[in-house]
Amino acid sequence: MLRRIVAAPLILWVLGFVWFAVALPQPAPISETDAVVVPTGSGGRIQRGLEVLKQGAARQMLVTGVDTTVQPGEFQAEFDVPQATMDCCVTLGFAALDTRGNARETAQWLAQRDYTSLRLVTADWHMRRAALELEDQLPDNVTILRDAVHSEPSFGTLFKEYHKLIAVWTLQLLG
């Protein structure tokens, strides 16, 4: 009996991890949303957000979690962003230090605008937790389109992220 009590959660944990690692979220086709939000981190995220903006599929882009030492001109030069696009459409957010902070910074940014839809652009391995944190901070009338950037995460990255997702999900259930 004790073996079954111990084995059941262990089996669920293993199966959950396999699902998490094998069924990573996918990129979304280009479609219109009010805004695109890109948490800083692994490669390809900012480029994807700028591509969405360039194609006219969003009015503005928030890059959340930008290091406080980054100057707008440095960002503009690194990602080859035209000055007109920087002036009208790109906001660099410096307040967030982690995924929960990205969600808070995004919620504050959206509260200053009358937007009801956003495209969340982040790495495939990070998407589930980032979206969960964001959904927790945003009003119910805001729609989130998940646009995962393909990556090749290490086993260690997947392992850590799976446990972070479980922790966030558990805290939200309890809280």
N, C-alpha and C. Protein backbone atom coordinates (compact mmCIF):
# COMPACT_ATOMS: atom_id res chain seq x y z
N MET A 1 0.82 -1.20 0.00
CA MET A 1 0.00 0.00 0.00
C MET A 1 0.87 1.27 0.00
N LEU A 2 1.89 1.29 0.83
CA LEU A 2 2.78 2.45 0.90
C LEU A 2 3.47 2.68 -0.44
N ARG A 3 3.85 1.60 -1.11
CA ARG A 3 4.48 1.74 -2.42
C ARG A 3 3.56 2.44 -3.41
N ARG A 4 2.30 2.12 -3.40
CA ARG A 4 1.34 2.75 -4.32
C ARG A 4 1.16 4.23 -3.98
N ILE A 5 1.14 4.52 -2.72
CA ILE A 5 0.99 5.92 -2.29
C ILE A 5 2.19 6.75 -2.75
N VAL A 6 3.38 6.16 -2.68
CA VAL A 6 4.59 6.85 -3.11
C VAL A 6 4.71 6.83 -4.64
N ALA A 7 4.33 5.72 -5.25
CA ALA A 7 4.51 5.56 -6.70
C ALA A 7 3.58 6.46 -7.51
N ALA A 8 2.35 6.65 -7.08
CA ALA A 8 1.38 7.43 -7.87
C ALA A 8 1.86 8.86 -8.13
N PRO A 9 2.24 9.61 -7.10
CA PRO A 9 2.74 10.98 -7.39
C PRO A 9 4.02 10.98 -8.23
N LEU A 10 4.87 9.99 -8.01
CA LEU A 10 6.11 9.90 -8.78
C LEU A 10 5.81 9.64 -10.26
N ILE A 11 4.88 8.78 -10.54
CA ILE A 11 4.49 8.50 -11.92
C ILE A 11 3.87 9.73 -12.56
N LEU A 12 3.00 10.42 -11.82
CA LEU A 12 2.40 11.66 -12.34
C LEU A 12 3.47 12.70 -12.64
N TRP A 13 4.44 12.83 -11.74
CA TRP A 13 5.52 13.80 -11.93
C TRP A 13 6.32 13.46 -13.20
N VAL A 14 6.68 12.19 -13.38
CA VAL A 14 7.45 11.77 -14.55
C VAL A 14 6.65 12.00 -15.83
N LEU A 15 5.40 11.57 -15.85
CA LEU A 15 4.57 11.77 -17.03
C LEU A 15 4.38 13.26 -17.34
N GLY A 16 4.21 14.06 -16.30
CA GLY A 16 4.08 15.50 -16.49
C GLY A 16 5.34 16.10 -17.09
N PHE A 17 6.49 15.66 -16.62
CA PHE A 17 7.74 16.17 -17.18
C PHE A 17 7.91 15.77 -18.64
N VAL A 18 7.58 14.52 -18.94
CA VAL A 18 7.69 14.06 -20.33
C VAL A 18 6.78 14.90 -21.23
N TRP A 19 5.54 15.13 -20.79
CA TRP A 19 4.63 15.99 -21.56
C TRP A 19 5.22 17.38 -21.72
N PHE A 20 5.71 17.96 -20.62
CA PHE A 20 6.27 19.31 -20.65
C PHE A 20 7.42 19.41 -21.65
N ALA A 21 8.30 18.41 -21.66
CA ALA A 21 9.49 18.46 -22.50
C ALA A 21 9.21 18.13 -23.97
N VAL A 22 8.25 17.27 -24.21
CA VAL A 22 7.99 16.81 -25.58
C VAL A 22 7.01 17.72 -26.31
N ALA A 23 6.03 18.23 -25.61
CA ALA A 23 4.97 19.03 -26.25
C ALA A 23 5.17 20.52 -25.99
N LEU A 24 6.33 21.03 -26.36
CA LEU A 24 6.61 22.45 -26.15
C LEU A 24 5.67 23.29 -27.03
N PRO A 25 5.24 24.46 -26.52
CA PRO A 25 4.39 25.35 -27.33
C PRO A 25 5.07 25.72 -28.64
N GLN A 26 4.25 26.07 -29.61
CA GLN A 26 4.71 26.35 -30.97
C GLN A 26 4.55 27.83 -31.32
N PRO A 27 5.22 28.28 -32.39
CA PRO A 27 5.01 29.65 -32.87
C PRO A 27 3.57 29.82 -33.35
N ALA A 28 3.06 31.01 -33.24
CA ALA A 28 1.71 31.32 -33.72
C ALA A 28 1.82 32.03 -35.06
N PRO A 29 0.86 31.80 -35.95
CA PRO A 29 0.89 32.54 -37.22
C PRO A 29 0.69 34.03 -36.95
N ILE A 30 1.17 34.84 -37.87
CA ILE A 30 1.00 36.28 -37.73
C ILE A 30 -0.49 36.61 -37.86
N SER A 31 -1.00 37.24 -36.84
CA SER A 31 -2.38 37.73 -36.83
C SER A 31 -2.39 38.97 -35.95
N GLU A 32 -3.41 39.77 -36.09
CA GLU A 32 -3.42 41.07 -35.44
C GLU A 32 -3.79 40.98 -33.96
N THR A 33 -3.02 41.67 -33.14
CA THR A 33 -3.33 41.93 -31.73
C THR A 33 -3.03 43.40 -31.49
N ASP A 34 -3.51 43.93 -30.38
CA ASP A 34 -3.25 45.33 -30.07
C ASP A 34 -1.77 45.58 -29.82
N ALA A 35 -1.13 44.64 -29.12
CA ALA A 35 0.26 44.84 -28.71
C ALA A 35 1.01 43.52 -28.74
N VAL A 36 2.32 43.63 -28.75
CA VAL A 36 3.19 42.47 -28.60
C VAL A 36 4.06 42.72 -27.38
N VAL A 37 4.20 41.69 -26.55
CA VAL A 37 4.99 41.79 -25.32
C VAL A 37 6.09 40.74 -25.38
N VAL A 38 7.32 41.19 -25.14
CA VAL A 38 8.48 40.31 -25.24
C VAL A 38 9.30 40.41 -23.95
N PRO A 39 9.27 39.36 -23.12
CA PRO A 39 10.19 39.33 -21.98
C PRO A 39 11.61 39.07 -22.49
N THR A 40 12.57 39.77 -21.95
CA THR A 40 13.96 39.55 -22.37
C THR A 40 14.39 38.15 -21.95
N GLY A 41 15.40 37.66 -22.62
CA GLY A 41 15.90 36.32 -22.30
C GLY A 41 16.58 35.72 -23.51
N SER A 42 16.29 34.47 -23.76
CA SER A 42 16.97 33.73 -24.83
C SER A 42 16.73 34.34 -26.20
N GLY A 43 17.60 33.98 -27.13
CA GLY A 43 17.62 34.56 -28.46
C GLY A 43 16.35 34.36 -29.27
N GLY A 44 16.13 35.28 -30.18
CA GLY A 44 15.03 35.20 -31.12
C GLY A 44 13.75 35.88 -30.68
N ARG A 45 13.62 36.17 -29.41
CA ARG A 45 12.38 36.76 -28.90
C ARG A 45 12.17 38.17 -29.45
N ILE A 46 13.15 39.02 -29.26
CA ILE A 46 13.00 40.42 -29.67
C ILE A 46 12.86 40.51 -31.19
N GLN A 47 13.63 39.71 -31.91
CA GLN A 47 13.52 39.72 -33.37
C GLN A 47 12.10 39.33 -33.80
N ARG A 48 11.52 38.34 -33.13
CA ARG A 48 10.15 37.92 -33.48
C ARG A 48 9.17 39.04 -33.17
N GLY A 49 9.31 39.70 -32.04
CA GLY A 49 8.43 40.81 -31.70
C GLY A 49 8.53 41.94 -32.70
N LEU A 50 9.74 42.26 -33.11
CA LEU A 50 9.94 43.32 -34.12
C LEU A 50 9.36 42.92 -35.47
N GLU A 51 9.44 41.64 -35.80
CA GLU A 51 8.85 41.16 -37.05
C GLU A 51 7.33 41.35 -37.04
N VAL A 52 6.70 41.04 -35.92
CA VAL A 52 5.25 41.22 -35.77
C VAL A 52 4.90 42.70 -35.94
N LEU A 53 5.69 43.56 -35.30
CA LEU A 53 5.48 45.00 -35.38
C LEU A 53 5.66 45.50 -36.82
N LYS A 54 6.72 45.04 -37.46
CA LYS A 54 7.02 45.46 -38.83
C LYS A 54 5.91 45.06 -39.80
N GLN A 55 5.30 43.92 -39.56
CA GLN A 55 4.23 43.45 -40.44
C GLN A 55 2.89 44.11 -40.13
N GLY A 56 2.87 45.01 -39.14
CA GLY A 56 1.65 45.73 -38.81
C GLY A 56 0.63 44.91 -38.04
N ALA A 57 1.07 43.81 -37.42
CA ALA A 57 0.16 42.94 -36.69
C ALA A 57 -0.03 43.37 -35.24
N ALA A 58 0.64 44.46 -34.84
CA ALA A 58 0.47 45.03 -33.49
C ALA A 58 0.78 46.52 -33.58
N ARG A 59 0.14 47.29 -32.72
CA ARG A 59 0.38 48.74 -32.72
C ARG A 59 1.64 49.12 -31.96
N GLN A 60 1.90 48.41 -30.86
CA GLN A 60 3.05 48.73 -30.02
C GLN A 60 3.68 47.46 -29.48
N MET A 61 4.94 47.60 -29.04
CA MET A 61 5.66 46.47 -28.45
C MET A 61 6.29 46.91 -27.14
N LEU A 62 6.10 46.07 -26.11
CA LEU A 62 6.78 46.25 -24.84
C LEU A 62 7.85 45.17 -24.73
N VAL A 63 9.08 45.60 -24.49
CA VAL A 63 10.15 44.67 -24.17
C VAL A 63 10.33 44.80 -22.66
N THR A 64 9.93 43.78 -21.94
CA THR A 64 9.94 43.84 -20.48
C THR A 64 11.14 43.11 -19.89
N GLY A 65 11.68 43.69 -18.83
CA GLY A 65 12.84 43.09 -18.18
C GLY A 65 14.16 43.50 -18.77
N VAL A 66 14.19 44.66 -19.40
CA VAL A 66 15.43 45.17 -20.00
C VAL A 66 16.39 45.57 -18.88
N ASP A 67 17.64 45.22 -19.02
CA ASP A 67 18.65 45.59 -18.04
C ASP A 67 18.73 47.11 -17.94
N THR A 68 18.85 47.62 -16.74
CA THR A 68 18.84 49.07 -16.51
C THR A 68 20.04 49.78 -17.14
N THR A 69 21.07 49.05 -17.50
CA THR A 69 22.23 49.69 -18.13
C THR A 69 22.06 49.86 -19.64
N VAL A 70 21.04 49.24 -20.22
CA VAL A 70 20.82 49.33 -21.66
C VAL A 70 20.20 50.68 -22.01
N GLN A 71 20.79 51.36 -22.96
CA GLN A 71 20.26 52.63 -23.44
C GLN A 71 19.40 52.37 -24.68
N PRO A 72 18.33 53.15 -24.88
CA PRO A 72 17.48 52.94 -26.05
C PRO A 72 18.27 52.92 -27.36
N GLY A 73 19.28 53.79 -27.48
CA GLY A 73 20.09 53.81 -28.70
C GLY A 73 20.85 52.51 -28.91
N GLU A 74 21.30 51.90 -27.83
CA GLU A 74 22.00 50.62 -27.94
C GLU A 74 21.03 49.53 -28.43
N PHE A 75 19.84 49.52 -27.85
CA PHE A 75 18.81 48.57 -28.28
C PHE A 75 18.50 48.77 -29.76
N GLN A 76 18.30 50.03 -30.13
CA GLN A 76 17.97 50.37 -31.51
C GLN A 76 19.06 49.89 -32.47
N ALA A 77 20.31 50.12 -32.12
CA ALA A 77 21.42 49.72 -32.97
C ALA A 77 21.57 48.19 -33.03
N GLU A 78 21.46 47.54 -31.89
CA GLU A 78 21.63 46.08 -31.86
C GLU A 78 20.60 45.35 -32.71
N PHE A 79 19.36 45.85 -32.69
CA PHE A 79 18.29 45.17 -33.40
C PHE A 79 17.87 45.88 -34.68
N ASP A 80 18.64 46.91 -35.07
CA ASP A 80 18.41 47.63 -36.33
C ASP A 80 16.97 48.12 -36.44
N VAL A 81 16.55 48.84 -35.41
CA VAL A 81 15.18 49.36 -35.36
C VAL A 81 15.18 50.80 -35.87
N PRO A 82 14.35 51.10 -36.86
CA PRO A 82 14.28 52.48 -37.36
C PRO A 82 13.84 53.44 -36.24
N GLN A 83 14.35 54.67 -36.30
CA GLN A 83 14.02 55.66 -35.28
C GLN A 83 12.51 55.88 -35.19
N ALA A 84 11.83 55.93 -36.30
CA ALA A 84 10.37 56.14 -36.29
C ALA A 84 9.66 55.03 -35.53
N THR A 85 10.14 53.80 -35.67
CA THR A 85 9.54 52.66 -34.95
C THR A 85 9.82 52.78 -33.46
N MET A 86 11.04 53.16 -33.12
CA MET A 86 11.37 53.35 -31.69
C MET A 86 10.47 54.42 -31.08
N ASP A 87 10.29 55.53 -31.81
CA ASP A 87 9.52 56.66 -31.28
C ASP A 87 8.05 56.33 -31.08
N CYS A 88 7.46 55.61 -32.01
CA CYS A 88 6.02 55.38 -31.94
C CYS A 88 5.63 54.10 -31.25
N CYS A 89 6.49 53.11 -31.33
CA CYS A 89 5.95 51.77 -31.13
C CYS A 89 6.69 50.87 -30.16
N VAL A 90 7.89 51.23 -29.72
CA VAL A 90 8.67 50.34 -28.86
C VAL A 90 8.84 50.99 -27.48
N THR A 91 8.45 50.24 -26.46
CA THR A 91 8.67 50.66 -25.08
C THR A 91 9.63 49.67 -24.44
N LEU A 92 10.69 50.20 -23.86
CA LEU A 92 11.62 49.36 -23.11
C LEU A 92 11.24 49.44 -21.64
N GLY A 93 10.92 48.29 -21.06
CA GLY A 93 10.53 48.24 -19.65
C GLY A 93 11.70 47.78 -18.79
N PHE A 94 12.04 48.57 -17.80
CA PHE A 94 13.21 48.31 -16.97
C PHE A 94 12.88 47.82 -15.57
N ALA A 95 11.60 47.65 -15.24
CA ALA A 95 11.20 47.35 -13.87
C ALA A 95 11.30 45.87 -13.49
N ALA A 96 11.18 44.97 -14.45
CA ALA A 96 11.10 43.54 -14.13
C ALA A 96 12.47 42.89 -13.98
N LEU A 97 12.55 42.01 -12.99
CA LEU A 97 13.77 41.24 -12.77
C LEU A 97 13.56 39.75 -13.02
N ASP A 98 12.29 39.32 -13.12
CA ASP A 98 11.98 37.91 -13.32
C ASP A 98 10.64 37.79 -14.04
N THR A 99 10.16 36.58 -14.22
CA THR A 99 8.94 36.35 -14.99
C THR A 99 7.73 36.97 -14.30
N ARG A 100 7.64 36.85 -13.01
CA ARG A 100 6.53 37.49 -12.29
C ARG A 100 6.59 39.01 -12.46
N GLY A 101 7.78 39.56 -12.41
CA GLY A 101 7.96 40.99 -12.63
C GLY A 101 7.59 41.40 -14.05
N ASN A 102 7.90 40.53 -15.03
CA ASN A 102 7.49 40.79 -16.42
C ASN A 102 5.97 40.92 -16.50
N ALA A 103 5.27 40.03 -15.80
CA ALA A 103 3.80 40.06 -15.81
C ALA A 103 3.27 41.34 -15.17
N ARG A 104 3.85 41.73 -14.06
CA ARG A 104 3.42 42.98 -13.39
C ARG A 104 3.70 44.19 -14.27
N GLU A 105 4.90 44.23 -14.86
CA GLU A 105 5.27 45.36 -15.72
C GLU A 105 4.33 45.43 -16.93
N THR A 106 4.01 44.28 -17.49
CA THR A 106 3.09 44.22 -18.64
C THR A 106 1.71 44.71 -18.25
N ALA A 107 1.21 44.27 -17.11
CA ALA A 107 -0.12 44.68 -16.65
C ALA A 107 -0.18 46.19 -16.45
N GLN A 108 0.85 46.77 -15.88
CA GLN A 108 0.89 48.23 -15.69
C GLN A 108 0.94 48.95 -17.03
N TRP A 109 1.72 48.44 -17.96
CA TRP A 109 1.84 49.04 -19.28
C TRP A 109 0.50 48.98 -20.00
N LEU A 110 -0.17 47.84 -19.94
CA LEU A 110 -1.47 47.70 -20.60
C LEU A 110 -2.55 48.57 -19.95
N ALA A 111 -2.46 48.74 -18.65
CA ALA A 111 -3.45 49.57 -17.94
C ALA A 111 -3.40 51.02 -18.41
N GLN A 112 -2.27 51.45 -18.95
CA GLN A 112 -2.13 52.81 -19.46
C GLN A 112 -2.65 52.95 -20.88
N ARG A 113 -3.06 51.83 -21.46
CA ARG A 113 -3.56 51.83 -22.84
C ARG A 113 -4.92 51.13 -22.84
N ASP A 114 -5.63 51.27 -23.90
CA ASP A 114 -6.96 50.65 -24.00
C ASP A 114 -6.89 49.39 -24.85
N TYR A 115 -5.95 48.51 -24.53
CA TYR A 115 -5.73 47.30 -25.32
C TYR A 115 -6.45 46.11 -24.67
N THR A 116 -6.99 45.26 -25.52
CA THR A 116 -7.67 44.06 -25.02
C THR A 116 -7.08 42.77 -25.58
N SER A 117 -6.01 42.90 -26.36
CA SER A 117 -5.34 41.69 -26.87
C SER A 117 -3.85 41.93 -26.96
N LEU A 118 -3.10 40.88 -26.68
CA LEU A 118 -1.66 40.98 -26.82
C LEU A 118 -1.09 39.65 -27.27
N ARG A 119 0.04 39.74 -27.92
CA ARG A 119 0.80 38.57 -28.35
C ARG A 119 1.98 38.47 -27.41
N LEU A 120 2.08 37.36 -26.71
CA LEU A 120 3.20 37.09 -25.83
C LEU A 120 4.24 36.31 -26.62
N VAL A 121 5.43 36.88 -26.74
CA VAL A 121 6.52 36.24 -27.48
C VAL A 121 7.61 35.88 -26.48
N THR A 122 7.83 34.58 -26.30
CA THR A 122 8.89 34.11 -25.43
C THR A 122 9.33 32.72 -25.90
N ALA A 123 10.37 32.21 -25.29
CA ALA A 123 10.89 30.90 -25.68
C ALA A 123 9.85 29.81 -25.42
N ASP A 124 9.89 28.77 -26.24
CA ASP A 124 8.94 27.67 -26.12
C ASP A 124 8.94 27.06 -24.72
N TRP A 125 10.10 26.88 -24.13
CA TRP A 125 10.19 26.27 -22.80
C TRP A 125 9.68 27.20 -21.70
N HIS A 126 9.63 28.49 -21.94
CA HIS A 126 9.24 29.51 -20.96
C HIS A 126 7.77 29.90 -21.11
N MET A 127 7.13 29.56 -22.21
CA MET A 127 5.80 30.07 -22.55
C MET A 127 4.73 29.74 -21.52
N ARG A 128 4.66 28.52 -21.08
CA ARG A 128 3.57 28.13 -20.17
C ARG A 128 3.59 28.94 -18.88
N ARG A 129 4.76 29.05 -18.27
CA ARG A 129 4.86 29.79 -17.01
C ARG A 129 4.66 31.29 -17.23
N ALA A 130 5.24 31.82 -18.29
CA ALA A 130 5.09 33.26 -18.57
C ALA A 130 3.62 33.60 -18.79
N ALA A 131 2.92 32.76 -19.55
CA ALA A 131 1.50 33.01 -19.81
C ALA A 131 0.68 32.87 -18.53
N LEU A 132 1.00 31.89 -17.70
CA LEU A 132 0.29 31.69 -16.44
C LEU A 132 0.46 32.90 -15.52
N GLU A 133 1.69 33.39 -15.42
CA GLU A 133 1.96 34.58 -14.60
C GLU A 133 1.22 35.79 -15.16
N LEU A 134 1.22 35.93 -16.47
CA LEU A 134 0.56 37.07 -17.12
C LEU A 134 -0.95 37.01 -16.94
N GLU A 135 -1.54 35.84 -17.13
CA GLU A 135 -2.99 35.69 -16.94
C GLU A 135 -3.41 36.05 -15.53
N ASP A 136 -2.54 35.77 -14.57
CA ASP A 136 -2.83 36.08 -13.18
C ASP A 136 -2.86 37.59 -12.91
N GLN A 137 -2.12 38.36 -13.70
CA GLN A 137 -2.02 39.81 -13.49
C GLN A 137 -2.99 40.63 -14.32
N LEU A 138 -3.48 40.08 -15.42
CA LEU A 138 -4.30 40.85 -16.35
C LEU A 138 -5.79 40.70 -16.07
N PRO A 139 -6.57 41.72 -16.44
CA PRO A 139 -8.03 41.58 -16.32
C PRO A 139 -8.54 40.48 -17.27
N ASP A 140 -9.70 39.95 -16.96
CA ASP A 140 -10.26 38.84 -17.74
C ASP A 140 -10.56 39.21 -19.19
N ASN A 141 -10.73 40.50 -19.47
CA ASN A 141 -11.09 40.90 -20.83
C ASN A 141 -9.91 41.00 -21.78
N VAL A 142 -8.70 40.71 -21.31
CA VAL A 142 -7.51 40.77 -22.16
C VAL A 142 -7.19 39.37 -22.69
N THR A 143 -7.11 39.26 -24.00
CA THR A 143 -6.79 38.00 -24.67
C THR A 143 -5.29 37.91 -24.91
N ILE A 144 -4.72 36.75 -24.60
CA ILE A 144 -3.29 36.53 -24.81
C ILE A 144 -3.10 35.49 -25.91
N LEU A 145 -2.39 35.90 -26.95
CA LEU A 145 -2.00 34.97 -28.01
C LEU A 145 -0.58 34.52 -27.71
N ARG A 146 -0.40 33.23 -27.55
CA ARG A 146 0.92 32.68 -27.22
C ARG A 146 1.70 32.41 -28.50
N ASP A 147 2.85 33.05 -28.61
CA ASP A 147 3.71 32.91 -29.79
C ASP A 147 5.09 32.47 -29.32
N ALA A 148 5.31 31.17 -29.31
CA ALA A 148 6.55 30.61 -28.79
C ALA A 148 7.67 30.65 -29.83
N VAL A 149 8.82 31.05 -29.37
CA VAL A 149 10.01 31.06 -30.22
C VAL A 149 10.71 29.71 -30.03
N HIS A 150 10.93 29.01 -31.11
CA HIS A 150 11.58 27.70 -31.05
C HIS A 150 12.98 27.82 -30.49
N SER A 151 13.31 26.89 -29.62
CA SER A 151 14.66 26.84 -29.05
C SER A 151 15.07 25.38 -28.89
N GLU A 152 16.25 25.19 -28.45
CA GLU A 152 16.73 23.84 -28.16
C GLU A 152 17.25 23.83 -26.73
N PRO A 153 16.30 23.80 -25.76
CA PRO A 153 16.71 23.90 -24.37
C PRO A 153 17.43 22.63 -23.89
N SER A 154 18.30 22.82 -22.95
CA SER A 154 19.01 21.69 -22.35
C SER A 154 18.07 20.95 -21.40
N PHE A 155 18.44 19.75 -21.03
CA PHE A 155 17.67 18.98 -20.06
C PHE A 155 17.55 19.78 -18.76
N GLY A 156 18.66 20.41 -18.35
CA GLY A 156 18.65 21.18 -17.11
C GLY A 156 17.67 22.35 -17.15
N THR A 157 17.62 23.04 -18.28
CA THR A 157 16.67 24.14 -18.44
C THR A 157 15.24 23.63 -18.34
N LEU A 158 14.94 22.55 -19.03
CA LEU A 158 13.59 21.97 -18.98
C LEU A 158 13.24 21.51 -17.57
N PHE A 159 14.18 20.88 -16.91
CA PHE A 159 13.96 20.37 -15.55
C PHE A 159 13.62 21.52 -14.59
N LYS A 160 14.44 22.58 -14.63
CA LYS A 160 14.19 23.74 -13.75
C LYS A 160 12.87 24.41 -14.09
N GLU A 161 12.61 24.60 -15.37
CA GLU A 161 11.39 25.31 -15.78
C GLU A 161 10.14 24.51 -15.43
N TYR A 162 10.19 23.20 -15.54
CA TYR A 162 9.06 22.35 -15.17
C TYR A 162 8.71 22.55 -13.69
N HIS A 163 9.72 22.60 -12.86
CA HIS A 163 9.48 22.78 -11.43
C HIS A 163 9.01 24.19 -11.09
N LYS A 164 9.50 25.17 -11.81
CA LYS A 164 9.00 26.54 -11.62
C LYS A 164 7.53 26.63 -12.01
N LEU A 165 7.17 25.96 -13.12
CA LEU A 165 5.77 25.94 -13.55
C LEU A 165 4.89 25.28 -12.50
N ILE A 166 5.32 24.16 -11.96
CA ILE A 166 4.56 23.48 -10.91
C ILE A 166 4.39 24.41 -9.70
N ALA A 167 5.45 25.10 -9.33
CA ALA A 167 5.39 26.00 -8.17
C ALA A 167 4.40 27.14 -8.41
N VAL A 168 4.46 27.77 -9.57
CA VAL A 168 3.54 28.88 -9.88
C VAL A 168 2.10 28.38 -9.91
N TRP A 169 1.89 27.26 -10.58
CA TRP A 169 0.54 26.68 -10.67
C TRP A 169 0.00 26.35 -9.29
N THR A 170 0.83 25.74 -8.43
CA THR A 170 0.42 25.38 -7.07
C THR A 170 0.10 26.64 -6.25
N LEU A 171 0.95 27.63 -6.33
CA LEU A 171 0.70 28.88 -5.58
C LEU A 171 -0.59 29.55 -6.02
N GLN A 172 -0.86 29.53 -7.33
CA GLN A 172 -2.10 30.13 -7.82
C GLN A 172 -3.32 29.33 -7.39
N LEU A 173 -3.20 28.03 -7.32
CA LEU A 173 -4.30 27.20 -6.85
C LEU A 173 -4.61 27.45 -5.37
N LEU A 174 -3.54 27.64 -4.60
CA LEU A 174 -3.71 27.85 -3.17
C LEU A 174 -4.11 29.28 -2.82
N GLY A 175 -3.86 30.16 -3.77
CA GLY A 175 -4.01 31.44 -3.41
C GLY A 175 -4.64 32.61 -3.59
